[in-house]
N, C-alpha and C. Protein backbone atom coordinates (compact mmCIF):
# COMPACT_ATOMS: atom_id res chain seq x y z
N MET A 1 -3.95 -13.01 -29.31
CA MET A 1 -3.97 -12.76 -27.87
C MET A 1 -4.95 -11.62 -27.56
N ASN A 2 -5.87 -11.86 -26.65
CA ASN A 2 -6.87 -10.85 -26.29
C ASN A 2 -6.39 -10.10 -25.05
N LYS A 3 -5.81 -8.92 -25.27
CA LYS A 3 -5.25 -8.15 -24.15
C LYS A 3 -6.33 -7.71 -23.17
N CYS A 4 -7.50 -7.35 -23.70
CA CYS A 4 -8.60 -6.94 -22.82
C CYS A 4 -9.01 -8.09 -21.91
N ARG A 5 -9.08 -9.30 -22.48
CA ARG A 5 -9.45 -10.47 -21.68
C ARG A 5 -8.41 -10.75 -20.60
N ASN A 6 -7.12 -10.56 -20.91
CA ASN A 6 -6.06 -10.75 -19.92
C ASN A 6 -6.23 -9.78 -18.75
N ILE A 7 -6.52 -8.52 -19.08
CA ILE A 7 -6.72 -7.50 -18.04
C ILE A 7 -7.91 -7.85 -17.16
N ILE A 8 -9.01 -8.24 -17.80
CA ILE A 8 -10.23 -8.58 -17.06
C ILE A 8 -10.01 -9.79 -16.16
N ASN A 9 -9.37 -10.82 -16.70
CA ASN A 9 -9.13 -12.03 -15.90
C ASN A 9 -8.27 -11.74 -14.68
N PHE A 10 -7.21 -10.95 -14.89
CA PHE A 10 -6.32 -10.61 -13.78
C PHE A 10 -7.04 -9.78 -12.74
N TYR A 11 -7.83 -8.81 -13.20
CA TYR A 11 -8.57 -7.97 -12.26
C TYR A 11 -9.57 -8.79 -11.46
N LEU A 12 -10.26 -9.71 -12.11
CA LEU A 12 -11.25 -10.53 -11.40
C LEU A 12 -10.58 -11.39 -10.34
N PHE A 13 -9.38 -11.89 -10.64
CA PHE A 13 -8.62 -12.64 -9.64
C PHE A 13 -8.27 -11.71 -8.46
N ALA A 14 -7.65 -10.57 -8.77
CA ALA A 14 -7.18 -9.65 -7.73
C ALA A 14 -8.34 -9.09 -6.91
N ASN A 15 -9.49 -8.92 -7.54
CA ASN A 15 -10.66 -8.38 -6.85
C ASN A 15 -11.09 -9.24 -5.67
N LYS A 16 -10.75 -10.52 -5.72
CA LYS A 16 -11.14 -11.44 -4.65
C LYS A 16 -10.48 -11.09 -3.32
N LEU A 17 -9.38 -10.34 -3.37
CA LEU A 17 -8.70 -9.95 -2.14
C LEU A 17 -9.53 -8.97 -1.32
N LYS A 18 -10.51 -8.32 -1.96
CA LYS A 18 -11.41 -7.42 -1.23
C LYS A 18 -12.30 -8.21 -0.27
N GLU A 19 -12.53 -9.48 -0.59
CA GLU A 19 -13.43 -10.31 0.21
C GLU A 19 -12.70 -11.23 1.18
N LYS A 20 -11.38 -11.35 1.03
CA LYS A 20 -10.61 -12.25 1.89
C LYS A 20 -10.22 -11.53 3.17
N VAL A 21 -10.75 -11.97 4.28
CA VAL A 21 -10.46 -11.36 5.58
C VAL A 21 -9.11 -11.86 6.08
N ARG A 22 -8.37 -11.00 6.75
CA ARG A 22 -7.05 -11.36 7.27
C ARG A 22 -7.17 -12.48 8.31
N THR A 23 -6.56 -13.61 8.01
CA THR A 23 -6.69 -14.81 8.83
C THR A 23 -6.24 -14.60 10.27
N GLY A 24 -5.14 -13.89 10.45
CA GLY A 24 -4.60 -13.69 11.79
C GLY A 24 -5.59 -13.03 12.73
N PHE A 25 -6.38 -12.11 12.21
CA PHE A 25 -7.35 -11.41 13.05
C PHE A 25 -8.57 -12.29 13.36
N ILE A 26 -8.84 -13.23 12.48
CA ILE A 26 -9.91 -14.20 12.77
C ILE A 26 -9.42 -15.17 13.85
N GLU A 27 -8.21 -15.70 13.66
CA GLU A 27 -7.66 -16.67 14.60
C GLU A 27 -7.50 -16.09 16.00
N ILE A 28 -7.18 -14.81 16.09
CA ILE A 28 -6.95 -14.18 17.40
C ILE A 28 -8.24 -13.67 18.01
N GLY A 29 -9.36 -13.84 17.29
CA GLY A 29 -10.67 -13.53 17.85
C GLY A 29 -11.01 -12.06 17.95
N ILE A 30 -10.61 -11.26 16.95
CA ILE A 30 -11.00 -9.84 16.97
C ILE A 30 -12.52 -9.76 17.01
N ASN A 31 -13.02 -9.10 18.04
CA ASN A 31 -14.47 -9.06 18.29
C ASN A 31 -15.10 -7.85 17.61
N LYS A 32 -15.18 -7.93 16.28
CA LYS A 32 -15.72 -6.83 15.51
C LYS A 32 -16.48 -7.40 14.32
N GLU A 33 -17.59 -6.74 13.98
CA GLU A 33 -18.43 -7.25 12.89
C GLU A 33 -17.68 -7.27 11.56
N ARG A 34 -16.88 -6.25 11.30
CA ARG A 34 -16.14 -6.16 10.05
C ARG A 34 -14.64 -6.12 10.33
N ILE A 35 -13.91 -7.11 9.81
CA ILE A 35 -12.48 -7.22 10.03
C ILE A 35 -11.75 -6.90 8.72
N GLU A 36 -10.55 -6.37 8.85
CA GLU A 36 -9.74 -5.96 7.71
C GLU A 36 -9.61 -7.06 6.66
N SER A 37 -9.76 -6.69 5.40
CA SER A 37 -9.54 -7.61 4.28
C SER A 37 -8.08 -7.55 3.85
N VAL A 38 -7.67 -8.51 3.03
CA VAL A 38 -6.30 -8.50 2.50
C VAL A 38 -6.08 -7.26 1.64
N ALA A 39 -7.08 -6.88 0.85
CA ALA A 39 -6.96 -5.68 0.01
C ALA A 39 -6.76 -4.43 0.86
N GLU A 40 -7.43 -4.36 2.00
CA GLU A 40 -7.27 -3.21 2.89
C GLU A 40 -5.88 -3.20 3.53
N HIS A 41 -5.34 -4.38 3.79
CA HIS A 41 -3.97 -4.48 4.30
C HIS A 41 -3.00 -3.92 3.27
N ILE A 42 -3.21 -4.26 2.00
CA ILE A 42 -2.36 -3.75 0.93
C ILE A 42 -2.43 -2.22 0.88
N TYR A 43 -3.64 -1.69 0.98
CA TYR A 43 -3.81 -0.23 1.00
C TYR A 43 -3.04 0.38 2.17
N GLY A 44 -3.12 -0.23 3.34
CA GLY A 44 -2.40 0.26 4.51
C GLY A 44 -0.90 0.27 4.29
N CYS A 45 -0.39 -0.78 3.62
CA CYS A 45 1.04 -0.85 3.32
C CYS A 45 1.46 0.30 2.40
N LEU A 46 0.65 0.57 1.39
CA LEU A 46 0.96 1.65 0.45
C LEU A 46 0.98 3.00 1.16
N ILE A 47 -0.01 3.23 2.03
CA ILE A 47 -0.08 4.49 2.76
C ILE A 47 1.14 4.67 3.67
N LEU A 48 1.53 3.61 4.37
CA LEU A 48 2.72 3.68 5.24
C LEU A 48 3.97 4.00 4.42
N ALA A 49 4.12 3.33 3.28
CA ALA A 49 5.30 3.56 2.44
C ALA A 49 5.35 5.01 1.95
N ILE A 50 4.21 5.54 1.52
CA ILE A 50 4.15 6.92 1.03
C ILE A 50 4.47 7.90 2.16
N ALA A 51 3.95 7.63 3.36
CA ALA A 51 4.19 8.52 4.50
C ALA A 51 5.67 8.51 4.91
N ILE A 52 6.26 7.32 4.94
CA ILE A 52 7.68 7.22 5.32
C ILE A 52 8.56 7.90 4.28
N ASP A 53 8.22 7.70 3.00
CA ASP A 53 8.97 8.35 1.93
C ASP A 53 8.86 9.87 2.01
N SER A 54 7.73 10.36 2.50
CA SER A 54 7.53 11.80 2.66
C SER A 54 8.45 12.40 3.71
N GLU A 55 8.68 11.64 4.79
CA GLU A 55 9.38 12.20 5.96
C GLU A 55 10.87 11.89 6.01
N TYR A 56 11.32 10.92 5.23
CA TYR A 56 12.72 10.54 5.27
C TYR A 56 13.32 10.50 3.86
N LYS A 57 14.60 10.75 3.77
CA LYS A 57 15.30 10.65 2.49
C LYS A 57 15.69 9.19 2.27
N LEU A 58 14.93 8.53 1.46
CA LEU A 58 15.16 7.11 1.19
C LEU A 58 15.84 6.93 -0.16
N ASN A 59 16.90 6.19 -0.18
CA ASN A 59 17.59 5.91 -1.44
C ASN A 59 17.01 4.64 -2.06
N LEU A 60 15.72 4.73 -2.40
CA LEU A 60 15.00 3.57 -2.90
C LEU A 60 14.26 3.91 -4.19
N ASP A 61 14.02 2.89 -5.00
CA ASP A 61 13.17 3.03 -6.18
C ASP A 61 11.73 2.91 -5.70
N MET A 62 11.08 4.06 -5.45
CA MET A 62 9.75 4.04 -4.86
C MET A 62 8.69 3.49 -5.80
N TYR A 63 8.88 3.63 -7.11
CA TYR A 63 7.93 3.01 -8.04
C TYR A 63 7.96 1.50 -7.85
N LYS A 64 9.15 0.97 -7.74
CA LYS A 64 9.31 -0.47 -7.53
C LYS A 64 8.72 -0.89 -6.18
N VAL A 65 8.96 -0.09 -5.16
CA VAL A 65 8.42 -0.37 -3.83
C VAL A 65 6.90 -0.43 -3.85
N LEU A 66 6.27 0.58 -4.43
CA LEU A 66 4.81 0.63 -4.45
C LEU A 66 4.21 -0.48 -5.30
N LYS A 67 4.89 -0.83 -6.38
CA LYS A 67 4.42 -1.93 -7.22
C LYS A 67 4.54 -3.26 -6.46
N MET A 68 5.66 -3.44 -5.77
CA MET A 68 5.88 -4.66 -5.00
C MET A 68 4.84 -4.80 -3.89
N LEU A 69 4.55 -3.71 -3.21
CA LEU A 69 3.55 -3.74 -2.14
C LEU A 69 2.14 -3.98 -2.68
N THR A 70 1.86 -3.45 -3.87
CA THR A 70 0.55 -3.65 -4.47
C THR A 70 0.31 -5.11 -4.81
N LEU A 71 1.39 -5.80 -5.22
CA LEU A 71 1.25 -7.17 -5.72
C LEU A 71 1.64 -8.25 -4.72
N HIS A 72 2.17 -7.85 -3.55
CA HIS A 72 2.82 -8.84 -2.69
C HIS A 72 1.90 -9.90 -2.10
N GLU A 73 0.59 -9.69 -2.15
CA GLU A 73 -0.33 -10.68 -1.60
C GLU A 73 -1.08 -11.47 -2.68
N LEU A 74 -0.63 -11.41 -3.93
CA LEU A 74 -1.33 -12.12 -5.01
C LEU A 74 -1.49 -13.61 -4.71
N GLU A 75 -0.49 -14.20 -4.08
CA GLU A 75 -0.54 -15.63 -3.78
C GLU A 75 -1.73 -15.99 -2.90
N GLU A 76 -2.17 -15.04 -2.08
CA GLU A 76 -3.24 -15.33 -1.13
C GLU A 76 -4.61 -15.46 -1.80
N ILE A 77 -4.70 -15.07 -3.05
CA ILE A 77 -5.96 -15.24 -3.79
C ILE A 77 -6.33 -16.71 -3.81
N LEU A 78 -5.32 -17.57 -4.00
CA LEU A 78 -5.58 -19.01 -4.13
C LEU A 78 -5.21 -19.82 -2.89
N MET A 79 -4.15 -19.43 -2.18
CA MET A 79 -3.71 -20.27 -1.06
C MET A 79 -4.14 -19.73 0.30
N GLY A 80 -4.76 -18.55 0.31
CA GLY A 80 -5.22 -18.00 1.57
C GLY A 80 -4.13 -17.27 2.32
N ASP A 81 -4.51 -16.64 3.41
CA ASP A 81 -3.61 -15.85 4.24
C ASP A 81 -3.07 -16.75 5.35
N LEU A 82 -1.89 -17.33 5.13
CA LEU A 82 -1.33 -18.30 6.07
C LEU A 82 -0.58 -17.59 7.19
N THR A 83 -0.79 -18.05 8.42
CA THR A 83 -0.16 -17.46 9.59
C THR A 83 0.77 -18.47 10.25
N LEU A 84 1.34 -18.09 11.41
CA LEU A 84 2.20 -19.01 12.16
C LEU A 84 1.47 -20.30 12.50
N ARG A 85 0.15 -20.20 12.66
CA ARG A 85 -0.63 -21.36 13.07
C ARG A 85 -0.81 -22.39 11.95
N SER A 86 -0.45 -22.03 10.73
CA SER A 86 -0.64 -22.96 9.60
C SER A 86 0.31 -24.15 9.67
N GLY A 87 1.46 -23.94 10.33
CA GLY A 87 2.45 -25.01 10.43
C GLY A 87 3.29 -25.17 9.18
N MET A 88 3.08 -24.33 8.17
CA MET A 88 3.83 -24.42 6.93
C MET A 88 5.17 -23.71 7.08
N THR A 89 6.24 -24.33 6.59
CA THR A 89 7.56 -23.72 6.66
C THR A 89 7.65 -22.55 5.67
N THR A 90 8.66 -21.71 5.87
CA THR A 90 8.85 -20.57 4.98
C THR A 90 9.08 -21.02 3.55
N GLU A 91 9.89 -22.06 3.37
CA GLU A 91 10.18 -22.56 2.02
C GLU A 91 8.95 -23.17 1.37
N GLU A 92 8.16 -23.90 2.15
CA GLU A 92 6.92 -24.48 1.62
C GLU A 92 5.96 -23.38 1.17
N LYS A 93 5.88 -22.33 2.00
CA LYS A 93 4.99 -21.22 1.66
C LYS A 93 5.47 -20.51 0.40
N LYS A 94 6.79 -20.32 0.26
CA LYS A 94 7.34 -19.67 -0.92
C LYS A 94 7.01 -20.46 -2.18
N GLU A 95 7.21 -21.77 -2.13
CA GLU A 95 6.98 -22.61 -3.30
C GLU A 95 5.50 -22.64 -3.68
N LYS A 96 4.65 -22.80 -2.69
CA LYS A 96 3.22 -22.79 -2.97
C LYS A 96 2.80 -21.43 -3.51
N GLY A 97 3.38 -20.36 -2.96
CA GLY A 97 3.08 -19.02 -3.40
C GLY A 97 3.46 -18.80 -4.86
N ARG A 98 4.62 -19.32 -5.27
CA ARG A 98 5.05 -19.19 -6.66
C ARG A 98 4.05 -19.84 -7.62
N LEU A 99 3.57 -21.01 -7.25
CA LEU A 99 2.60 -21.72 -8.10
C LEU A 99 1.30 -20.93 -8.21
N CYS A 100 0.88 -20.34 -7.10
CA CYS A 100 -0.36 -19.56 -7.10
C CYS A 100 -0.22 -18.30 -7.94
N VAL A 101 0.92 -17.61 -7.81
CA VAL A 101 1.15 -16.40 -8.58
C VAL A 101 1.20 -16.72 -10.08
N HIS A 102 1.80 -17.86 -10.42
CA HIS A 102 1.87 -18.29 -11.82
C HIS A 102 0.46 -18.44 -12.40
N GLU A 103 -0.44 -19.02 -11.63
CA GLU A 103 -1.81 -19.21 -12.11
C GLU A 103 -2.56 -17.89 -12.20
N VAL A 104 -2.41 -17.05 -11.19
CA VAL A 104 -3.12 -15.77 -11.14
C VAL A 104 -2.70 -14.84 -12.28
N THR A 105 -1.41 -14.87 -12.64
CA THR A 105 -0.90 -13.97 -13.68
C THR A 105 -0.88 -14.61 -15.06
N ASN A 106 -1.41 -15.80 -15.18
CA ASN A 106 -1.39 -16.52 -16.46
C ASN A 106 -2.00 -15.69 -17.58
N GLY A 107 -1.25 -15.54 -18.68
CA GLY A 107 -1.74 -14.78 -19.82
C GLY A 107 -1.21 -13.37 -19.90
N LEU A 108 -0.81 -12.79 -18.77
CA LEU A 108 -0.30 -11.41 -18.80
C LEU A 108 1.05 -11.34 -19.53
N LEU A 109 1.23 -10.34 -20.33
CA LEU A 109 2.48 -10.17 -21.06
C LEU A 109 3.67 -9.99 -20.11
N LYS A 110 3.41 -9.35 -18.96
CA LYS A 110 4.48 -9.10 -18.00
C LYS A 110 4.45 -10.10 -16.84
N GLN A 111 3.96 -11.30 -17.13
CA GLN A 111 3.88 -12.32 -16.09
C GLN A 111 5.24 -12.60 -15.44
N GLU A 112 6.28 -12.78 -16.25
CA GLU A 112 7.59 -13.10 -15.70
C GLU A 112 8.15 -11.95 -14.87
N GLU A 113 7.89 -10.73 -15.30
CA GLU A 113 8.34 -9.55 -14.54
C GLU A 113 7.68 -9.52 -13.16
N ILE A 114 6.39 -9.82 -13.11
CA ILE A 114 5.65 -9.84 -11.84
C ILE A 114 6.18 -10.95 -10.94
N LYS A 115 6.39 -12.12 -11.52
CA LYS A 115 6.88 -13.26 -10.74
C LYS A 115 8.26 -12.96 -10.15
N LYS A 116 9.13 -12.34 -10.94
CA LYS A 116 10.47 -11.99 -10.45
C LYS A 116 10.39 -10.95 -9.34
N LEU A 117 9.46 -10.01 -9.49
CA LEU A 117 9.29 -8.97 -8.47
C LEU A 117 8.86 -9.59 -7.14
N LEU A 118 7.96 -10.56 -7.19
CA LEU A 118 7.48 -11.19 -5.97
C LEU A 118 8.51 -12.16 -5.39
N ASP A 119 9.31 -12.78 -6.25
CA ASP A 119 10.43 -13.58 -5.74
C ASP A 119 11.40 -12.69 -4.99
N GLU A 120 11.65 -11.50 -5.53
CA GLU A 120 12.53 -10.53 -4.87
C GLU A 120 11.97 -10.15 -3.51
N PHE A 121 10.66 -9.89 -3.44
CA PHE A 121 10.02 -9.56 -2.18
C PHE A 121 10.23 -10.68 -1.15
N ASN A 122 10.02 -11.90 -1.56
CA ASN A 122 10.10 -13.04 -0.65
C ASN A 122 11.52 -13.38 -0.23
N ASP A 123 12.51 -13.00 -1.05
CA ASP A 123 13.91 -13.32 -0.72
C ASP A 123 14.52 -12.30 0.25
N HIS A 124 13.97 -11.09 0.35
CA HIS A 124 14.43 -10.06 1.29
C HIS A 124 15.93 -9.78 1.18
N LYS A 125 16.42 -9.63 -0.05
CA LYS A 125 17.85 -9.38 -0.23
C LYS A 125 18.15 -7.96 -0.74
N THR A 126 17.28 -7.40 -1.54
CA THR A 126 17.51 -6.04 -2.04
C THR A 126 16.96 -5.03 -1.04
N GLU A 127 17.43 -3.78 -1.13
CA GLU A 127 16.96 -2.75 -0.20
C GLU A 127 15.46 -2.52 -0.33
N GLU A 128 14.94 -2.55 -1.56
CA GLU A 128 13.51 -2.35 -1.76
C GLU A 128 12.70 -3.48 -1.15
N SER A 129 13.16 -4.71 -1.31
CA SER A 129 12.39 -5.85 -0.79
C SER A 129 12.41 -5.89 0.74
N VAL A 130 13.54 -5.51 1.34
CA VAL A 130 13.62 -5.46 2.81
C VAL A 130 12.69 -4.39 3.34
N PHE A 131 12.69 -3.23 2.68
CA PHE A 131 11.79 -2.14 3.07
C PHE A 131 10.33 -2.60 2.98
N CYS A 132 9.97 -3.26 1.89
CA CYS A 132 8.60 -3.73 1.71
C CYS A 132 8.22 -4.78 2.74
N TYR A 133 9.16 -5.67 3.05
CA TYR A 133 8.91 -6.70 4.05
C TYR A 133 8.64 -6.08 5.42
N GLN A 134 9.41 -5.05 5.77
CA GLN A 134 9.21 -4.38 7.05
C GLN A 134 7.89 -3.62 7.07
N ILE A 135 7.53 -3.00 5.97
CA ILE A 135 6.24 -2.32 5.86
C ILE A 135 5.11 -3.32 6.05
N ASP A 136 5.23 -4.47 5.41
CA ASP A 136 4.21 -5.52 5.48
C ASP A 136 3.96 -5.94 6.93
N LYS A 137 5.04 -6.14 7.67
CA LYS A 137 4.92 -6.57 9.07
C LYS A 137 4.41 -5.43 9.96
N MET A 138 4.91 -4.23 9.72
CA MET A 138 4.53 -3.11 10.56
C MET A 138 3.06 -2.74 10.38
N GLU A 139 2.54 -2.83 9.17
CA GLU A 139 1.14 -2.51 8.94
C GLU A 139 0.25 -3.45 9.74
N CYS A 140 0.63 -4.71 9.82
CA CYS A 140 -0.12 -5.68 10.60
C CYS A 140 -0.11 -5.32 12.08
N ASP A 141 1.06 -4.95 12.58
CA ASP A 141 1.17 -4.55 13.98
C ASP A 141 0.38 -3.27 14.26
N PHE A 142 0.41 -2.35 13.32
CA PHE A 142 -0.32 -1.08 13.46
C PHE A 142 -1.83 -1.35 13.52
N GLN A 143 -2.32 -2.24 12.66
CA GLN A 143 -3.74 -2.57 12.67
C GLN A 143 -4.12 -3.28 13.97
N ALA A 144 -3.23 -4.13 14.47
CA ALA A 144 -3.47 -4.81 15.75
C ALA A 144 -3.60 -3.77 16.87
N LYS A 145 -2.74 -2.74 16.82
CA LYS A 145 -2.80 -1.67 17.82
C LYS A 145 -4.13 -0.93 17.73
N ILE A 146 -4.59 -0.67 16.50
CA ILE A 146 -5.87 0.01 16.32
C ILE A 146 -7.00 -0.82 16.91
N TYR A 147 -7.02 -2.11 16.63
CA TYR A 147 -8.05 -2.99 17.19
C TYR A 147 -7.97 -3.00 18.72
N ASP A 148 -6.75 -2.98 19.23
CA ASP A 148 -6.53 -2.96 20.68
C ASP A 148 -7.17 -1.71 21.30
N LEU A 149 -6.88 -0.56 20.70
CA LEU A 149 -7.42 0.70 21.23
C LEU A 149 -8.93 0.80 21.05
N GLN A 150 -9.46 0.08 20.08
CA GLN A 150 -10.91 0.06 19.88
C GLN A 150 -11.60 -0.90 20.86
N GLY A 151 -10.80 -1.65 21.62
CA GLY A 151 -11.35 -2.56 22.62
C GLY A 151 -11.89 -3.87 22.07
N VAL A 152 -11.41 -4.25 20.86
CA VAL A 152 -11.91 -5.49 20.24
C VAL A 152 -10.84 -6.58 20.16
N PHE A 153 -9.66 -6.30 20.74
CA PHE A 153 -8.55 -7.27 20.76
C PHE A 153 -8.32 -7.65 22.21
N SER A 154 -8.61 -8.90 22.56
CA SER A 154 -8.53 -9.37 23.93
C SER A 154 -7.12 -9.79 24.32
N TYR A 155 -6.68 -9.35 25.51
CA TYR A 155 -5.37 -9.75 26.04
C TYR A 155 -5.29 -11.27 26.20
N ASP A 156 -6.36 -11.86 26.71
CA ASP A 156 -6.37 -13.31 26.91
C ASP A 156 -6.26 -14.07 25.59
N LYS A 157 -6.91 -13.54 24.54
CA LYS A 157 -6.82 -14.18 23.23
C LYS A 157 -5.41 -14.02 22.66
N ALA A 158 -4.80 -12.87 22.89
CA ALA A 158 -3.43 -12.64 22.41
C ALA A 158 -2.47 -13.63 23.06
N MET A 159 -2.75 -14.01 24.29
CA MET A 159 -1.92 -14.98 25.01
C MET A 159 -1.89 -16.34 24.31
N GLU A 160 -2.93 -16.63 23.54
CA GLU A 160 -3.02 -17.93 22.88
C GLU A 160 -1.95 -18.12 21.81
N ASP A 161 -1.34 -17.02 21.39
CA ASP A 161 -0.27 -17.12 20.38
C ASP A 161 1.08 -17.50 20.98
N LEU A 162 1.20 -17.44 22.29
CA LEU A 162 2.50 -17.69 22.94
C LEU A 162 3.18 -18.99 22.52
N PRO A 163 2.46 -20.11 22.38
CA PRO A 163 3.13 -21.35 21.97
C PRO A 163 3.83 -21.26 20.62
N PHE A 164 3.42 -20.30 19.79
CA PHE A 164 4.02 -20.15 18.46
C PHE A 164 5.24 -19.24 18.47
N TYR A 165 5.58 -18.68 19.63
CA TYR A 165 6.71 -17.76 19.73
C TYR A 165 8.01 -18.46 20.13
N GLY A 166 7.95 -19.76 20.31
CA GLY A 166 9.16 -20.53 20.60
C GLY A 166 9.85 -20.09 21.87
N ASP A 167 11.19 -20.01 21.82
CA ASP A 167 11.97 -19.69 23.01
C ASP A 167 11.88 -18.21 23.40
N ARG A 168 11.14 -17.42 22.63
CA ARG A 168 10.96 -16.01 22.98
C ARG A 168 9.65 -15.78 23.73
N ALA A 169 8.88 -16.82 23.94
CA ALA A 169 7.55 -16.69 24.52
C ALA A 169 7.57 -15.99 25.88
N ASP A 170 8.43 -16.42 26.79
CA ASP A 170 8.47 -15.84 28.13
C ASP A 170 8.89 -14.37 28.08
N GLU A 171 9.86 -14.06 27.23
CA GLU A 171 10.33 -12.68 27.09
C GLU A 171 9.19 -11.78 26.58
N ILE A 172 8.48 -12.25 25.56
CA ILE A 172 7.39 -11.47 24.97
C ILE A 172 6.26 -11.27 25.98
N LYS A 173 5.94 -12.31 26.71
CA LYS A 173 4.88 -12.21 27.71
C LYS A 173 5.23 -11.19 28.79
N SER A 174 6.49 -11.18 29.21
CA SER A 174 6.91 -10.27 30.27
C SER A 174 6.87 -8.80 29.83
N LYS A 175 6.98 -8.55 28.53
CA LYS A 175 7.00 -7.18 28.02
C LYS A 175 5.64 -6.71 27.52
N SER A 176 4.66 -7.59 27.54
CA SER A 176 3.36 -7.26 26.93
C SER A 176 2.32 -6.87 27.98
N LYS A 177 1.94 -5.61 27.97
CA LYS A 177 0.92 -5.11 28.89
C LYS A 177 -0.46 -5.05 28.24
N THR A 178 -0.48 -5.03 26.91
CA THR A 178 -1.74 -5.00 26.18
C THR A 178 -1.73 -6.10 25.12
N ALA A 179 -2.88 -6.34 24.51
CA ALA A 179 -2.99 -7.41 23.51
C ALA A 179 -2.05 -7.19 22.32
N SER A 180 -2.04 -5.97 21.80
CA SER A 180 -1.21 -5.70 20.62
C SER A 180 0.28 -5.76 20.92
N ASP A 181 0.65 -5.59 22.20
CA ASP A 181 2.06 -5.69 22.57
C ASP A 181 2.64 -7.04 22.19
N PHE A 182 1.85 -8.10 22.27
CA PHE A 182 2.35 -9.43 21.95
C PHE A 182 2.84 -9.47 20.49
N TRP A 183 2.05 -8.92 19.59
CA TRP A 183 2.42 -8.94 18.18
C TRP A 183 3.59 -7.99 17.92
N ILE A 184 3.55 -6.83 18.54
CA ILE A 184 4.60 -5.84 18.33
C ILE A 184 5.93 -6.35 18.87
N GLU A 185 5.92 -6.91 20.09
CA GLU A 185 7.17 -7.42 20.68
C GLU A 185 7.73 -8.59 19.85
N TYR A 186 6.85 -9.39 19.28
CA TYR A 186 7.31 -10.51 18.44
C TYR A 186 8.03 -9.99 17.20
N ASP A 187 7.52 -8.90 16.64
CA ASP A 187 8.08 -8.38 15.39
C ASP A 187 9.24 -7.41 15.58
N LYS A 188 9.44 -6.88 16.78
CA LYS A 188 10.47 -5.86 16.99
C LYS A 188 11.86 -6.24 16.46
N PRO A 189 12.32 -7.48 16.63
CA PRO A 189 13.66 -7.82 16.11
C PRO A 189 13.80 -7.61 14.59
N ARG A 190 12.68 -7.66 13.87
CA ARG A 190 12.73 -7.44 12.42
C ARG A 190 13.12 -6.00 12.09
N PHE A 191 12.88 -5.09 13.04
CA PHE A 191 13.09 -3.67 12.78
C PHE A 191 14.36 -3.11 13.42
N GLU A 192 15.09 -3.92 14.16
CA GLU A 192 16.22 -3.44 14.96
C GLU A 192 17.32 -2.78 14.12
N LYS A 193 17.55 -3.25 12.91
CA LYS A 193 18.67 -2.75 12.11
C LYS A 193 18.32 -1.49 11.31
N ASN A 194 17.07 -1.05 11.40
CA ASN A 194 16.65 0.13 10.65
C ASN A 194 16.09 1.14 11.63
N GLU A 195 16.77 2.27 11.80
CA GLU A 195 16.38 3.26 12.80
C GLU A 195 14.99 3.83 12.54
N ILE A 196 14.62 3.98 11.28
CA ILE A 196 13.30 4.51 10.95
C ILE A 196 12.22 3.59 11.49
N PHE A 197 12.32 2.32 11.17
CA PHE A 197 11.30 1.36 11.60
C PHE A 197 11.38 1.10 13.10
N LYS A 198 12.58 1.12 13.64
CA LYS A 198 12.76 0.92 15.08
C LYS A 198 12.04 2.02 15.86
N ASP A 199 12.24 3.27 15.45
CA ASP A 199 11.58 4.39 16.12
C ASP A 199 10.07 4.35 15.90
N LEU A 200 9.66 4.01 14.69
CA LEU A 200 8.24 4.03 14.35
C LEU A 200 7.46 2.97 15.11
N ILE A 201 8.00 1.77 15.23
CA ILE A 201 7.26 0.72 15.94
C ILE A 201 7.12 1.07 17.42
N ASN A 202 8.13 1.74 17.99
CA ASN A 202 8.03 2.17 19.39
C ASN A 202 6.96 3.25 19.56
N GLU A 203 6.89 4.17 18.59
CA GLU A 203 5.87 5.21 18.64
C GLU A 203 4.47 4.61 18.50
N ILE A 204 4.33 3.63 17.60
CA ILE A 204 3.05 2.96 17.42
C ILE A 204 2.63 2.27 18.71
N GLN A 205 3.56 1.57 19.32
CA GLN A 205 3.28 0.83 20.55
C GLN A 205 2.83 1.77 21.67
N ASN A 206 3.33 2.98 21.67
CA ASN A 206 3.03 3.93 22.76
C ASN A 206 1.79 4.78 22.53
N ILE A 207 1.11 4.58 21.41
CA ILE A 207 -0.14 5.32 21.17
C ILE A 207 -1.16 4.97 22.25
N LYS A 208 -1.78 5.96 22.84
CA LYS A 208 -2.73 5.73 23.94
C LYS A 208 -4.18 5.84 23.51
N GLU A 209 -4.44 6.58 22.46
CA GLU A 209 -5.82 6.73 21.98
C GLU A 209 -5.82 7.07 20.50
N LEU A 210 -6.93 6.80 19.85
CA LEU A 210 -7.05 7.06 18.41
C LEU A 210 -7.51 8.50 18.19
């Protein structure tokens, strides 16, 4: 077994995330020459987790959290960054994701450990996985807010997502004064049970300038 070759192969796979642009920002028409990559989203998640851990007493395994956040988008190397517009169900996405992660980690000695970690992330049952899931969603909303304040996120384009919000569409529209409000209002129920995230998403939404 060539351990160096395993490391190189895995890195070359993961390196592709630097070039993969976040699909949601393309679909919503962010009017900017350079849009966030998946790798940059991962970096944003890590920074948020470190900042929250700094300010609050969290009873979490932070090594596990940071590792989970570092690896949570491995599936997107092969299957892409799927959004609400893909039409794929959660279970379909999970199964396809497992197959992609299996291929990406092929040869690694800790392949099964990585696969179990990402299954944990996707199941949202442990405290660490729920925390990571909320970080993942909040980072996306935070970046949307940044694009909004930069003037590259159109309110009219944000309206195009309404059909994907189901029976919450009218409620979200009524509460959304800016483009990023649509995404933030859609995700708010995910944060309701956690006071840290509940307070933080409200603070993010109320930012007036960068």
